[in-house]
């Protein structure tokens, strides 16, 4: 698991429990790819609203809907 190294950085992960920190965000608690895809934009808005300066992203499976999620995150990283 990646750890937060930068000050004011958010950590976005695909599944599992989140740490008891405000800067950790999970797309799906149980690893459901559809739920993760559904939650992607609302989670990104929460991160933006939180004023974080950067986002570290944990591994997201690169298959099925994961391809679309990874593509969207890649596009967002180039803005």
Protein backbone atom coordinates (compact mmCIF):
# COMPACT_ATOMS: atom_id res chain seq x y z
CA UNK A 1 0.00 0.00 0.00
CA UNK A 2 1.20 3.47 -0.83
CA UNK A 3 1.66 5.89 1.99
CA UNK A 4 1.08 9.59 2.00
CA UNK A 5 4.38 11.38 1.67
CA UNK A 6 3.42 14.88 0.60
CA UNK A 7 1.72 17.42 2.76
CA UNK A 8 -1.89 18.00 1.72
CA UNK A 9 -2.03 14.91 -0.51
CA UNK A 10 -5.11 12.71 -0.89
CA UNK A 11 -4.88 8.96 -1.34
CA UNK A 12 -7.42 7.27 -3.61
CA UNK A 13 -7.72 3.50 -3.61
CA UNK A 14 -9.91 0.98 -5.36
CA UNK A 15 -11.22 -1.10 -2.46
CA UNK A 16 -10.96 -2.01 1.18
CA UNK A 17 -11.25 -0.14 4.40
CA UNK A 18 -10.00 3.41 4.65
CA UNK A 19 -7.69 4.50 7.41
CA UNK A 20 -9.09 6.85 10.00
CA UNK A 21 -7.68 9.81 8.14
CA UNK A 22 -9.52 12.47 6.20
CA UNK A 23 -7.15 12.18 3.24
CA UNK A 24 -7.92 8.51 2.37
CA UNK A 25 -10.70 7.79 -0.13
CA UNK A 26 -12.02 4.40 -1.33
CA UNK A 27 -14.03 3.88 -4.50
CA UNK A 28 -15.60 0.58 -3.35
CA UNK A 29 -15.45 -0.93 0.13
CA UNK A 30 -16.02 -4.47 -1.15
CA UNK A 31 -14.09 -4.35 -4.45
CA UNK A 32 -17.11 -3.98 -6.72
CA UNK A 33 -15.95 -2.46 -10.01
CA UNK A 34 -19.41 -1.05 -10.87
CA UNK A 35 -19.61 0.66 -7.50
CA UNK A 36 -16.09 2.04 -7.99
CA UNK A 37 -17.01 3.45 -11.41
CA UNK A 38 -20.21 4.97 -9.97
CA UNK A 39 -18.28 6.62 -7.14
CA UNK A 40 -15.34 7.94 -9.16
CA UNK A 41 -16.58 11.44 -10.00
CA UNK A 42 -18.22 12.12 -6.63
CA UNK A 43 -15.02 11.02 -4.89
CA UNK A 44 -12.89 13.25 -7.11
CA UNK A 45 -15.24 16.16 -6.29
CA UNK A 46 -14.82 15.44 -2.55
CA UNK A 47 -11.05 15.49 -2.96
CA UNK A 48 -11.19 18.75 -4.90
CA UNK A 49 -13.51 20.29 -2.31
CA UNK A 50 -11.05 19.24 0.40
CA UNK A 51 -8.40 21.43 -1.21
CA UNK A 52 -5.78 18.71 -1.61
CA UNK A 53 -2.81 19.69 -3.75
CA UNK A 54 -2.26 16.22 -5.24
CA UNK A 55 -3.69 12.71 -5.34
CA UNK A 56 -1.81 9.42 -4.98
CA UNK A 57 -3.73 6.56 -6.59
CA UNK A 58 -3.43 2.94 -5.54
CA UNK A 59 -3.58 0.15 -8.11
CA UNK A 60 -6.90 -0.22 -9.88
CA UNK A 61 -7.41 -3.46 -11.86
CA UNK A 62 -6.82 -2.71 -15.54
CA UNK A 63 -9.67 -4.83 -16.91
CA UNK A 64 -13.35 -4.28 -17.62
CA UNK A 65 -14.60 -1.06 -16.04
CA UNK A 66 -11.16 -0.64 -14.49
CA UNK A 67 -9.89 0.30 -17.96
CA UNK A 68 -12.36 3.20 -18.07
CA UNK A 69 -11.53 4.29 -14.51
CA UNK A 70 -7.79 4.25 -15.22
CA UNK A 71 -8.32 6.12 -18.49
CA UNK A 72 -10.34 8.82 -16.74
CA UNK A 73 -7.74 9.20 -14.00
CA UNK A 74 -4.97 9.42 -16.60
CA UNK A 75 -6.84 12.15 -18.48
CA UNK A 76 -7.51 14.04 -15.25
CA UNK A 77 -3.83 13.91 -14.34
CA UNK A 78 -2.88 15.84 -17.47
CA UNK A 79 -5.03 18.89 -16.78
